[in-house]
C-alpha atoms as a PDB file:
ATOM      1  CA  MET A   1      19.980  -4.527 -38.558  1.00  0.00           C
ATOM      2  CA  PRO A   2      19.617  -0.655 -39.977  1.00  0.00           C
ATOM      3  CA  THR A   3      16.332  -1.554 -41.209  1.00  0.00           C
ATOM      4  CA  THR A   4      15.180  -2.961 -37.354  1.00  0.00           C
ATOM      5  CA  ASP A   5      16.623   0.576 -35.763  1.00  0.00           C
ATOM      6  CA  THR A   6      14.322   2.329 -37.607  1.00  0.00           C
ATOM      7  CA  GLU A   7      10.797   0.810 -37.132  1.00  0.00           C
ATOM      8  CA  PRO A   8      10.623   2.122 -33.877  1.00  0.00           C
ATOM      9  CA  ALA A   9      11.124   5.409 -34.496  1.00  0.00           C
ATOM     10  CA  ALA A  10       8.730   4.709 -37.432  1.00  0.00           C
ATOM     11  CA  ALA A  11       6.083   3.575 -35.565  1.00  0.00           C
ATOM     12  CA  ALA A  12       6.527   6.316 -33.048  1.00  0.00           C
ATOM     13  CA  ASP A  13       5.950   8.917 -35.794  1.00  0.00           C
ATOM     14  CA  ALA A  14       2.880   6.751 -36.949  1.00  0.00           C
ATOM     15  CA  VAL A  15       1.413   7.373 -33.548  1.00  0.00           C
ATOM     16  CA  GLY A  16       2.566  10.640 -33.362  1.00  0.00           C
ATOM     17  CA  HIS A  17       0.175  10.945 -36.384  1.00  0.00           C
ATOM     18  CA  GLU A  18      -2.609   9.801 -35.879  1.00  0.00           C
ATOM     19  CA  ALA A  19      -2.555  11.389 -32.460  1.00  0.00           C
ATOM     20  CA  ARG A  20      -1.964  14.763 -34.429  1.00  0.00           C
ATOM     21  CA  GLU A  21      -4.943  13.644 -36.520  1.00  0.00           C
ATOM     22  CA  ALA A  22      -7.667  13.138 -34.440  1.00  0.00           C
ATOM     23  CA  ARG A  23      -7.041  15.983 -32.614  1.00  0.00           C
ATOM     24  CA  PRO A  24      -8.427  18.257 -35.048  1.00  0.00           C
ATOM     25  CA  SER A  25     -11.014  15.591 -35.703  1.00  0.00           C
ATOM     26  CA  ALA A  26     -12.463  15.850 -31.687  1.00  0.00           C
ATOM     27  CA  ALA A  27     -12.343  19.737 -32.077  1.00  0.00           C
ATOM     28  CA  GLY A  28     -14.224  19.592 -34.992  1.00  0.00           C
ATOM     29  CA  ALA A  29     -16.837  17.197 -33.964  1.00  0.00           C
ATOM     30  CA  TRP A  30     -17.298  19.789 -30.978  1.00  0.00           C
ATOM     31  CA  LEU A  31     -17.389  22.887 -33.660  1.00  0.00           C
ATOM     32  CA  ARG A  32     -20.520  20.938 -35.653  1.00  0.00           C
ATOM     33  CA  PHE A  33     -21.961  20.502 -32.316  1.00  0.00           C
ATOM     34  CA  LEU A  34     -21.938  24.009 -31.314  1.00  0.00           C
ATOM     35  CA  ARG A  35     -23.281  25.583 -34.788  1.00  0.00           C
ATOM     36  CA  SER A  36     -25.458  22.631 -35.043  1.00  0.00           C
ATOM     37  CA  GLU A  37     -26.809  24.053 -31.749  1.00  0.00           C
ATOM     38  CA  LEU A  38     -26.651  27.493 -32.695  1.00  0.00           C
ATOM     39  CA  ARG A  39     -28.646  26.802 -35.992  1.00  0.00           C
ATOM     40  CA  LEU A  40     -31.561  25.245 -33.405  1.00  0.00           C
ATOM     41  CA  ILE A  41     -31.352  28.432 -31.549  1.00  0.00           C
ATOM     42  CA  LEU A  42     -31.363  31.412 -34.170  1.00  0.00           C
ATOM     43  CA  GLY A  43     -34.178  28.983 -36.045  1.00  0.00           C
ATOM     44  CA  ARG A  44     -36.776  28.461 -33.424  1.00  0.00           C
ATOM     45  CA  ARG A  45     -39.533  31.048 -34.154  1.00  0.00           C
ATOM     46  CA  ARG A  46     -39.753  32.286 -30.446  1.00  0.00           C
ATOM     47  CA  ASN A  47     -36.273  33.255 -30.577  1.00  0.00           C
ATOM     48  CA  GLN A  48     -36.075  34.992 -33.468  1.00  0.00           C
ATOM     49  CA  VAL A  49     -39.232  37.370 -32.097  1.00  0.00           C
ATOM     50  CA  GLY A  50     -37.134  37.350 -28.929  1.00  0.00           C
ATOM     51  CA  LEU A  51     -34.367  39.288 -30.873  1.00  0.00           C
ATOM     52  CA  ALA A  52     -37.247  41.362 -32.332  1.00  0.00           C
ATOM     53  CA  VAL A  53     -38.254  43.083 -29.364  1.00  0.00           C
ATOM     54  CA  LEU A  54     -34.834  42.823 -27.824  1.00  0.00           C
ATOM     55  CA  ALA A  55     -34.165  45.396 -31.032  1.00  0.00           C
ATOM     56  CA  ALA A  56     -37.513  47.294 -30.670  1.00  0.00           C
ATOM     57  CA  VAL A  57     -37.149  48.251 -26.846  1.00  0.00           C
ATOM     58  CA  PRO A  58     -34.000  51.080 -27.993  1.00  0.00           C
ATOM     59  CA  VAL A  59     -35.983  51.993 -30.963  1.00  0.00           C
ATOM     60  CA  VAL A  60     -39.014  53.073 -28.951  1.00  0.00           C
ATOM     61  CA  ILE A  61     -36.908  55.004 -26.358  1.00  0.00           C
ATOM     62  CA  ALA A  62     -35.110  57.375 -29.180  1.00  0.00           C
ATOM     63  CA  ILE A  63     -38.318  57.599 -30.923  1.00  0.00           C
ATOM     64  CA  ALA A  64     -40.163  58.335 -27.443  1.00  0.00           C
ATOM     65  CA  VAL A  65     -37.382  60.575 -26.101  1.00  0.00           C
ATOM     66  CA  LYS A  66     -37.611  62.540 -30.033  1.00  0.00           C
ATOM     67  CA  VAL A  67     -41.469  63.033 -29.773  1.00  0.00           C
ATOM     68  CA  ALA A  68     -41.629  63.732 -26.043  1.00  0.00           C
ATOM     69  CA  ASP A  69     -38.725  66.534 -25.531  1.00  0.00           C
ATOM     70  CA  PRO A  70     -36.938  67.112 -28.906  1.00  0.00           C
ATOM     71  CA  ALA A  71     -34.952  70.349 -28.200  1.00  0.00           C
ATOM     72  CA  SER A  72     -33.820  69.233 -24.889  1.00  0.00           C
ATOM     73  CA  GLY A  73     -30.327  70.233 -24.040  1.00  0.00           C
ATOM     74  CA  GLY A  74     -30.439  66.722 -21.739  1.00  0.00           C
ATOM     75  CA  ASP A  75     -27.875  68.174 -18.962  1.00  0.00           C
ATOM     76  CA  ASP A  76     -29.121  65.819 -16.405  1.00  0.00           C
ATOM     77  CA  ALA A  77     -26.742  63.102 -15.743  1.00  0.00           C
ATOM     78  CA  THR A  78     -28.858  59.900 -16.279  1.00  0.00           C
ATOM     79  CA  PHE A  79     -28.422  58.157 -20.062  1.00  0.00           C
ATOM     80  CA  LEU A  80     -32.154  58.784 -20.473  1.00  0.00           C
ATOM     81  CA  ASN A  81     -31.838  62.443 -20.515  1.00  0.00           C
ATOM     82  CA  GLN A  82     -28.737  62.978 -22.066  1.00  0.00           C
ATOM     83  CA  ILE A  83     -30.177  61.141 -25.384  1.00  0.00           C
ATOM     84  CA  THR A  84     -31.308  64.110 -27.122  1.00  0.00           C
ATOM     85  CA  GLY A  85     -27.628  65.769 -26.995  1.00  0.00           C
ATOM     86  CA  ASN A  86     -26.372  62.775 -28.201  1.00  0.00           C
ATOM     87  CA  GLY A  87     -27.737  59.345 -29.855  1.00  0.00           C
ATOM     88  CA  PHE A  88     -24.899  57.281 -28.368  1.00  0.00           C
ATOM     89  CA  PHE A  89     -27.018  57.525 -24.440  1.00  0.00           C
ATOM     90  CA  VAL A  90     -29.534  55.453 -26.917  1.00  0.00           C
ATOM     91  CA  ALA A  91     -27.826  52.229 -26.479  1.00  0.00           C
ATOM     92  CA  LEU A  92     -26.620  53.004 -23.028  1.00  0.00           C
ATOM     93  CA  ALA A  93     -30.127  53.808 -21.707  1.00  0.00           C
ATOM     94  CA  ALA A  94     -31.448  50.160 -23.805  1.00  0.00           C
ATOM     95  CA  LEU A  95     -29.039  48.016 -21.582  1.00  0.00           C
ATOM     96  CA  ALA A  96     -29.647  49.355 -18.777  1.00  0.00           C
ATOM     97  CA  LEU A  97     -33.174  49.285 -19.415  1.00  0.00           C
ATOM     98  CA  GLU A  98     -33.369  45.256 -20.452  1.00  0.00           C
ATOM     99  CA  ILE A  99     -31.164  44.376 -18.119  1.00  0.00           C
ATOM    100  CA  GLY A 100     -33.837  44.230 -15.519  1.00  0.00           C
ATOM    101  CA  LEU A 101     -35.935  41.876 -17.525  1.00  0.00           C
ATOM    102  CA  PHE A 102     -35.966  41.457 -21.641  1.00  0.00           C
ATOM    103  CA  LEU A 103     -32.674  39.804 -21.590  1.00  0.00           C
ATOM    104  CA  PRO A 104     -32.704  37.484 -18.535  1.00  0.00           C
ATOM    105  CA  LEU A 105     -36.036  36.422 -20.394  1.00  0.00           C
ATOM    106  CA  ALA A 106     -34.422  35.348 -23.303  1.00  0.00           C
ATOM    107  CA  VAL A 107     -31.660  34.213 -21.506  1.00  0.00           C
ATOM    108  CA  ALA A 108     -34.225  32.060 -19.478  1.00  0.00           C
ATOM    109  CA  VAL A 109     -35.970  30.914 -22.417  1.00  0.00           C
ATOM    110  CA  LEU A 110     -32.630  29.414 -24.186  1.00  0.00           C
ATOM    111  CA  ALA A 111     -31.843  27.813 -20.574  1.00  0.00           C
ATOM    112  CA  GLY A 112     -35.142  25.986 -20.055  1.00  0.00           C
ATOM    113  CA  ASP A 113     -35.084  24.109 -24.068  1.00  0.00           C
ATOM    114  CA  ALA A 114     -31.363  23.339 -22.646  1.00  0.00           C
ATOM    115  CA  VAL A 115     -32.023  20.485 -21.465  1.00  0.00           C
ATOM    116  CA  ALA A 116     -35.151  20.183 -20.068  1.00  0.00           C
ATOM    117  CA  GLY A 117     -36.818  21.533 -23.542  1.00  0.00           C
ATOM    118  CA  GLU A 118     -35.108  18.688 -25.330  1.00  0.00           C
ATOM    119  CA  ALA A 119     -35.670  16.207 -22.580  1.00  0.00           C
ATOM    120  CA  ASN A 120     -39.518  17.146 -23.089  1.00  0.00           C
ATOM    121  CA  VAL A 121     -39.375  16.379 -26.338  1.00  0.00           C
ATOM    122  CA  GLY A 122     -37.662  13.014 -26.319  1.00  0.00           C
ATOM    123  CA  THR A 123     -35.162  14.505 -28.376  1.00  0.00           C
ATOM    124  CA  LEU A 124     -31.997  13.926 -25.600  1.00  0.00           C
ATOM    125  CA  ARG A 125     -31.863  10.599 -25.476  1.00  0.00           C
ATOM    126  CA  GLY A 126     -30.982  10.749 -29.055  1.00  0.00           C
ATOM    127  CA  LEU A 127     -28.173  13.002 -28.140  1.00  0.00           C
ATOM    128  CA  LEU A 128     -26.430  10.933 -25.831  1.00  0.00           C
ATOM    129  CA  VAL A 129     -27.112   7.839 -28.233  1.00  0.00           C
ATOM    130  CA  VAL A 130     -24.620   9.506 -30.955  1.00  0.00           C
ATOM    131  CA  PRO A 131     -22.336   9.122 -28.679  1.00  0.00           C
ATOM    132  CA  VAL A 132     -21.644  12.556 -27.062  1.00  0.00           C
ATOM    133  CA  THR A 133     -20.750  12.479 -23.385  1.00  0.00           C
ATOM    134  CA  ARG A 134     -22.900  14.549 -21.088  1.00  0.00           C
ATOM    135  CA  GLY A 135     -20.080  16.897 -20.043  1.00  0.00           C
ATOM    136  CA  ARG A 136     -19.427  17.845 -23.648  1.00  0.00           C
ATOM    137  CA  LEU A 137     -23.304  18.398 -24.439  1.00  0.00           C
ATOM    138  CA  LEU A 138     -23.627  20.529 -21.626  1.00  0.00           C
ATOM    139  CA  ALA A 139     -20.508  22.537 -22.222  1.00  0.00           C
ATOM    140  CA  VAL A 140     -21.670  23.261 -26.085  1.00  0.00           C
ATOM    141  CA  LYS A 141     -25.369  23.875 -24.756  1.00  0.00           C
ATOM    142  CA  TYR A 142     -23.695  26.403 -21.889  1.00  0.00           C
ATOM    143  CA  VAL A 143     -21.427  27.795 -24.776  1.00  0.00           C
ATOM    144  CA  ALA A 144     -24.350  27.953 -27.514  1.00  0.00           C
ATOM    145  CA  MET A 145     -26.427  29.659 -24.760  1.00  0.00           C
ATOM    146  CA  VAL A 146     -23.621  32.724 -24.021  1.00  0.00           C
ATOM    147  CA  LEU A 147     -23.000  33.186 -27.108  1.00  0.00           C
ATOM    148  CA  GLY A 148     -26.624  33.536 -27.860  1.00  0.00           C
ATOM    149  CA  ALA A 149     -26.749  36.215 -24.748  1.00  0.00           C
ATOM    150  CA  LEU A 150     -23.986  37.769 -26.631  1.00  0.00           C
ATOM    151  CA  LEU A 151     -25.661  38.411 -29.899  1.00  0.00           C
ATOM    152  CA  GLY A 152     -28.913  39.571 -27.821  1.00  0.00           C
ATOM    153  CA  VAL A 153     -26.745  42.477 -25.925  1.00  0.00           C
ATOM    154  CA  VAL A 154     -25.062  43.139 -29.373  1.00  0.00           C
ATOM    155  CA  LEU A 155     -28.423  44.161 -31.135  1.00  0.00           C
ATOM    156  CA  VAL A 156     -29.239  46.130 -28.664  1.00  0.00           C
ATOM    157  CA  ALA A 157     -26.523  47.760 -28.686  1.00  0.00           C
ATOM    158  CA  VAL A 158     -25.946  48.565 -32.685  1.00  0.00           C
ATOM    159  CA  VAL A 159     -29.576  48.862 -32.831  1.00  0.00           C
ATOM    160  CA  GLY A 160     -29.805  51.774 -30.100  1.00  0.00           C
ATOM    161  CA  LEU A 161     -26.660  53.835 -31.571  1.00  0.00           C
ATOM    162  CA  LEU A 162     -28.395  53.525 -35.725  1.00  0.00           C
ATOM    163  CA  ALA A 163     -31.395  54.669 -34.052  1.00  0.00           C
ATOM    164  CA  GLY A 164     -29.671  57.448 -31.649  1.00  0.00           C
ATOM    165  CA  ALA A 165     -28.002  57.792 -34.981  1.00  0.00           C
ATOM    166  CA  ALA A 166     -30.771  58.641 -37.320  1.00  0.00           C
ATOM    167  CA  LEU A 167     -32.476  60.376 -34.273  1.00  0.00           C
ATOM    168  CA  PHE A 168     -30.371  62.621 -32.670  1.00  0.00           C
ATOM    169  CA  GLY A 169     -26.508  62.300 -34.297  1.00  0.00           C
ATOM    170  CA  LEU A 170     -23.286  60.657 -32.600  1.00  0.00           C
ATOM    171  CA  HIS A 171     -21.370  63.548 -30.780  1.00  0.00           C
ATOM    172  CA  PRO A 172     -17.939  63.148 -28.734  1.00  0.00           C
ATOM    173  CA  VAL A 173     -19.308  61.180 -25.314  1.00  0.00           C
ATOM    174  CA  VAL A 174     -19.257  63.412 -22.370  1.00  0.00           C
ATOM    175  CA  THR A 175     -18.780  61.332 -19.241  1.00  0.00           C
ATOM    176  CA  LEU A 176     -20.459  61.374 -15.886  1.00  0.00           C
ATOM    177  CA  SER A 177     -16.796  62.567 -14.730  1.00  0.00           C
ATOM    178  CA  GLY A 178     -17.576  65.890 -17.310  1.00  0.00           C
ATOM    179  CA  THR A 179     -14.530  65.071 -19.252  1.00  0.00           C
ATOM    180  CA  THR A 180     -15.331  64.066 -23.160  1.00  0.00           C
ATOM    181  CA  LEU A 181     -14.328  60.893 -24.911  1.00  0.00           C
ATOM    182  CA  GLY A 182     -13.975  60.953 -28.762  1.00  0.00           C
ATOM    183  CA  LEU A 183     -17.047  58.963 -30.547  1.00  0.00           C
ATOM    184  CA  GLY A 184     -14.063  55.950 -31.052  1.00  0.00           C
ATOM    185  CA  ALA A 185     -12.896  55.899 -27.598  1.00  0.00           C
ATOM    186  CA  ALA A 186     -17.354  55.994 -26.180  1.00  0.00           C
ATOM    187  CA  LEU A 187     -17.537  53.144 -28.584  1.00  0.00           C
ATOM    188  CA  VAL A 188     -14.524  50.905 -27.349  1.00  0.00           C
ATOM    189  CA  ARG A 189     -16.487  51.378 -23.591  1.00  0.00           C
ATOM    190  CA  LEU A 190     -19.747  50.725 -25.136  1.00  0.00           C
ATOM    191  CA  ALA A 191     -18.157  47.808 -25.920  1.00  0.00           C
ATOM    192  CA  LEU A 192     -16.846  47.154 -22.385  1.00  0.00           C
ATOM    193  CA  VAL A 193     -20.396  47.858 -21.419  1.00  0.00           C
ATOM    194  CA  VAL A 194     -22.010  44.708 -23.870  1.00  0.00           C
ATOM    195  CA  LEU A 195     -18.995  42.464 -22.775  1.00  0.00           C
ATOM    196  CA  TYR A 196     -20.277  43.228 -18.459  1.00  0.00           C
ATOM    197  CA  VAL A 197     -23.615  42.559 -18.762  1.00  0.00           C
ATOM    198  CA  THR A 198     -22.540  39.572 -21.424  1.00  0.00           C
ATOM    199  CA  ALA A 199     -20.627  38.528 -18.460  1.00  0.00           C
ATOM    200  CA  TYR A 200     -23.840  38.866 -16.206  1.00  0.00           C
ATOM    201  CA  LEU A 201     -25.982  36.448 -18.310  1.00  0.00           C
ATOM    202  CA  ALA A 202     -23.644  33.893 -18.282  1.00  0.00           C
ATOM    203  CA  ALA A 203     -23.482  33.776 -15.050  1.00  0.00           C
ATOM    204  CA  LEU A 204     -27.489  33.992 -14.578  1.00  0.00           C
ATOM    205  CA  GLY A 205     -27.234  31.006 -17.610  1.00  0.00           C
ATOM    206  CA  ALA A 206     -25.293  28.882 -15.281  1.00  0.00           C
ATOM    207  CA  LEU A 207     -27.837  29.407 -13.195  1.00  0.00           C
ATOM    208  CA  GLY A 208     -30.368  28.808 -15.419  1.00  0.00           C
ATOM    209  CA  LEU A 209     -29.051  25.965 -16.653  1.00  0.00           C
ATOM    210  CA  PHE A 210     -28.796  24.102 -13.889  1.00  0.00           C
ATOM    211  CA  ILE A 211     -32.304  24.636 -13.348  1.00  0.00           C
ATOM    212  CA  SER A 212     -32.970  23.221 -16.802  1.00  0.00           C
ATOM    213  CA  THR A 213     -31.365  19.695 -15.441  1.00  0.00           C
ATOM    214  CA  LEU A 214     -33.971  19.541 -12.949  1.00  0.00           C
ATOM    215  CA  THR A 215     -37.288  18.997 -14.644  1.00  0.00           C
ATOM    216  CA  GLU A 216     -38.311  18.227 -17.961  1.00  0.00           C
ATOM    217  CA  GLN A 217     -40.279  20.644 -18.406  1.00  0.00           C
ATOM    218  CA  PRO A 218     -38.937  23.916 -20.320  1.00  0.00           C
ATOM    219  CA  MET A 219     -41.882  26.280 -19.388  1.00  0.00           C
ATOM    220  CA  GLY A 220     -41.177  25.302 -15.675  1.00  0.00           C
ATOM    221  CA  ALA A 221     -37.695  26.147 -16.250  1.00  0.00           C
ATOM    222  CA  THR A 222     -38.054  29.315 -17.876  1.00  0.00           C
ATOM    223  CA  VAL A 223     -40.712  30.555 -15.241  1.00  0.00           C
ATOM    224  CA  GLY A 224     -38.147  29.355 -12.228  1.00  0.00           C
ATOM    225  CA  ILE A 225     -35.307  31.415 -13.823  1.00  0.00           C
ATOM    226  CA  ILE A 226     -37.489  34.631 -14.284  1.00  0.00           C
ATOM    227  CA  ILE A 227     -38.938  34.113 -10.843  1.00  0.00           C
ATOM    228  CA  LEU A 228     -35.242  33.881  -9.106  1.00  0.00           C
ATOM    229  CA  SER A 229     -34.039  37.110 -11.378  1.00  0.00           C
ATOM    230  CA  THR A 230     -37.232  39.112 -10.062  1.00  0.00           C
ATOM    231  CA  ALA A 231     -36.835  38.419  -6.562  1.00  0.00           C
ATOM    232  CA  MET A 232     -32.970  38.993  -6.356  1.00  0.00           C
ATOM    233  CA  TRP A 233     -33.316  42.548  -7.741  1.00  0.00           C
ATOM    234  CA  ILE A 234     -36.269  42.739  -5.737  1.00  0.00           C
ATOM    235  CA  LEU A 235     -33.845  41.503  -2.261  1.00  0.00           C
ATOM    236  CA  ASP A 236     -31.300  44.074  -3.237  1.00  0.00           C
ATOM    237  CA  SER A 237     -33.710  46.984  -3.759  1.00  0.00           C
ATOM    238  CA  ILE A 238     -34.099  46.610   0.449  1.00  0.00           C
ATOM    239  CA  GLU A 239     -31.903  48.527   2.080  1.00  0.00           C
ATOM    240  CA  GLN A 240     -32.336  46.409   5.931  1.00  0.00           C
ATOM    241  CA  LEU A 241     -31.173  43.262   3.522  1.00  0.00           C
ATOM    242  CA  HIS A 242     -27.584  44.666   2.581  1.00  0.00           C
ATOM    243  CA  TRP A 243     -25.678  41.635   4.328  1.00  0.00           C
ATOM    244  CA  LEU A 244     -27.229  39.328   1.971  1.00  0.00           C
ATOM    245  CA  HIS A 245     -26.388  41.812  -1.385  1.00  0.00           C
ATOM    246  CA  PRO A 246     -22.856  41.010  -2.128  1.00  0.00           C
ATOM    247  CA  TRP A 247     -23.886  37.194  -2.568  1.00  0.00           C
ATOM    248  CA  LEU A 248     -27.192  38.479  -4.962  1.00  0.00           C
ATOM    249  CA  LEU A 249     -26.036  38.140  -9.009  1.00  0.00           C
ATOM    250  CA  VAL A 250     -27.640  40.794  -9.637  1.00  0.00           C
ATOM    251  CA  ASP A 251     -26.061  43.385  -6.449  1.00  0.00           C
ATOM    252  CA  HIS A 252     -23.556  44.927  -8.982  1.00  0.00           C
ATOM    253  CA  GLN A 253     -24.863  44.798 -12.603  1.00  0.00           C
ATOM    254  CA  LEU A 254     -25.444  48.292 -12.877  1.00  0.00           C
ATOM    255  CA  ALA A 255     -22.036  48.925 -12.198  1.00  0.00           C
ATOM    256  CA  LEU A 256     -21.693  48.898 -15.809  1.00  0.00           C
ATOM    257  CA  VAL A 257     -22.405  53.213 -15.455  1.00  0.00           C
ATOM    258  CA  ASP A 258     -18.757  52.842 -13.992  1.00  0.00           C
ATOM    259  CA  LEU A 259     -17.340  52.557 -17.483  1.00  0.00           C
ATOM    260  CA  LEU A 260     -18.894  55.908 -18.523  1.00  0.00           C
ATOM    261  CA  ARG A 261     -16.297  57.454 -15.776  1.00  0.00           C
ATOM    262  CA  ASP A 262     -12.841  59.104 -17.021  1.00  0.00           C
ATOM    263  CA  PRO A 263     -10.873  57.327 -15.338  1.00  0.00           C
ATOM    264  CA  VAL A 264     -13.344  54.255 -15.310  1.00  0.00           C
ATOM    265  CA  TYR A 265     -14.161  53.025 -11.771  1.00  0.00           C
ATOM    266  CA  THR A 266     -13.199  49.490 -11.434  1.00  0.00           C
ATOM    267  CA  HIS A 267     -14.236  48.498  -7.796  1.00  0.00           C
ATOM    268  CA  ASP A 268     -17.876  47.292  -8.261  1.00  0.00           C
ATOM    269  CA  LEU A 269     -16.919  46.053 -11.774  1.00  0.00           C
ATOM    270  CA  SER A 270     -14.730  43.848 -10.393  1.00  0.00           C
ATOM    271  CA  LEU A 271     -17.228  42.690  -7.841  1.00  0.00           C
ATOM    272  CA  GLY A 272     -19.379  42.694 -10.256  1.00  0.00           C
ATOM    273  CA  LEU A 273     -16.981  39.845 -12.264  1.00  0.00           C
ATOM    274  CA  LEU A 274     -16.018  38.058  -9.865  1.00  0.00           C
ATOM    275  CA  THR A 275     -20.074  37.528  -8.510  1.00  0.00           C
ATOM    276  CA  ASP A 276     -20.320  36.136 -12.747  1.00  0.00           C
ATOM    277  CA  LEU A 277     -17.367  34.316 -12.017  1.00  0.00           C
ATOM    278  CA  GLY A 278     -18.526  32.555  -8.671  1.00  0.00           C
ATOM    279  CA  TYR A 279     -22.253  32.072  -9.774  1.00  0.00           C
ATOM    280  CA  VAL A 280     -20.912  30.227 -13.296  1.00  0.00           C
ATOM    281  CA  VAL A 281     -18.742  27.448 -11.430  1.00  0.00           C
ATOM    282  CA  VAL A 282     -21.139  26.872  -8.708  1.00  0.00           C
ATOM    283  CA  PHE A 283     -23.903  26.544 -11.099  1.00  0.00           C
ATOM    284  CA  LEU A 284     -21.950  24.966 -14.178  1.00  0.00           C
ATOM    285  CA  ALA A 285     -20.624  22.231 -11.439  1.00  0.00           C
ATOM    286  CA  ALA A 286     -24.028  21.804 -10.062  1.00  0.00           C
ATOM    287  CA  ALA A 287     -25.779  21.160 -13.546  1.00  0.00           C
ATOM    288  CA  TRP A 288     -22.798  18.544 -14.103  1.00  0.00           C
ATOM    289  CA  ALA A 289     -23.270  16.793 -11.260  1.00  0.00           C
ATOM    290  CA  ARG A 290     -27.005  16.684 -11.465  1.00  0.00           C
ATOM    291  CA  PHE A 291     -27.067  16.203 -15.060  1.00  0.00           C
ATOM    292  CA  ALA A 292     -24.276  13.299 -14.753  1.00  0.00           C
ATOM    293  CA  GLY A 293     -26.306  10.961 -12.924  1.00  0.00           C
ATOM    294  CA  LYS A 294     -29.924  11.902 -14.749  1.00  0.00           C
ATOM    295  CA  ASP A 295     -32.422   9.044 -16.274  1.00  0.00           C
ATOM    296  CA  VAL A 296     -32.598   9.749 -19.524  1.00  0.00           C
ATOM    297  CA  THR A 297     -33.512   6.601 -20.741  1.00  0.00           C
ATOM    298  CA  SER A 298     -37.437   6.572 -20.635  1.00  0.00           C
END
């Protein structure tokens, strides 16, 4: 019968339609969870104060250089000594200075709140009852942390550009190789610096997320991350430990200056990104392994 022949096809179409409807629904739920997490991060007063501190650093740098030596020609190759000749370098100097303390501190605070903070105030159990799988919870927490780190880095760069433009003006950029880039090309290089710094913070965030799963005290997790970050910078500065340096997350982070060469020197940049990726893979896996068996019922 014709009707009988069409029933399986109709049923298959119905199942396919339901599957297609379910996929956007799952993706939509994931995005809603992520938006909720981002609102939580941006709504916390301490995070708002932290963003204000990050934004204040390039302003302080620009004012300090302007007041200290307003007529300097800036012939030296360092970013600070080139600021008076071109306000573009305020953003780079601020990022280079903040990558050692303020930006890692911001990530440490976010990581401490991610799991340990939720466990401390008793909301972690509620999140898992919704229901949200533990893997999805960690994924959303991590993505929100990386987006928060990106926001902080972009804020530093943008405020640095605005402060530099206001006090010194923006001009074509002389690279560390001695060639000159137009302002548009220089802004592309700055965007790459922002992404490179964010990749480092994403790797630090993966380490921080793992530490956050080990405790229910967010301050303890934050302090632990800062101690590890600072220790890596110290160890990386000791020449006698050169055999250890390639394993340290911070070893190639100042290679961001290579993005201001013409052509870009990619060797150290590539090593830095590979190190970042290694930390992300290892510590996200460790965080999941720890959190998957973590008792959050009490």
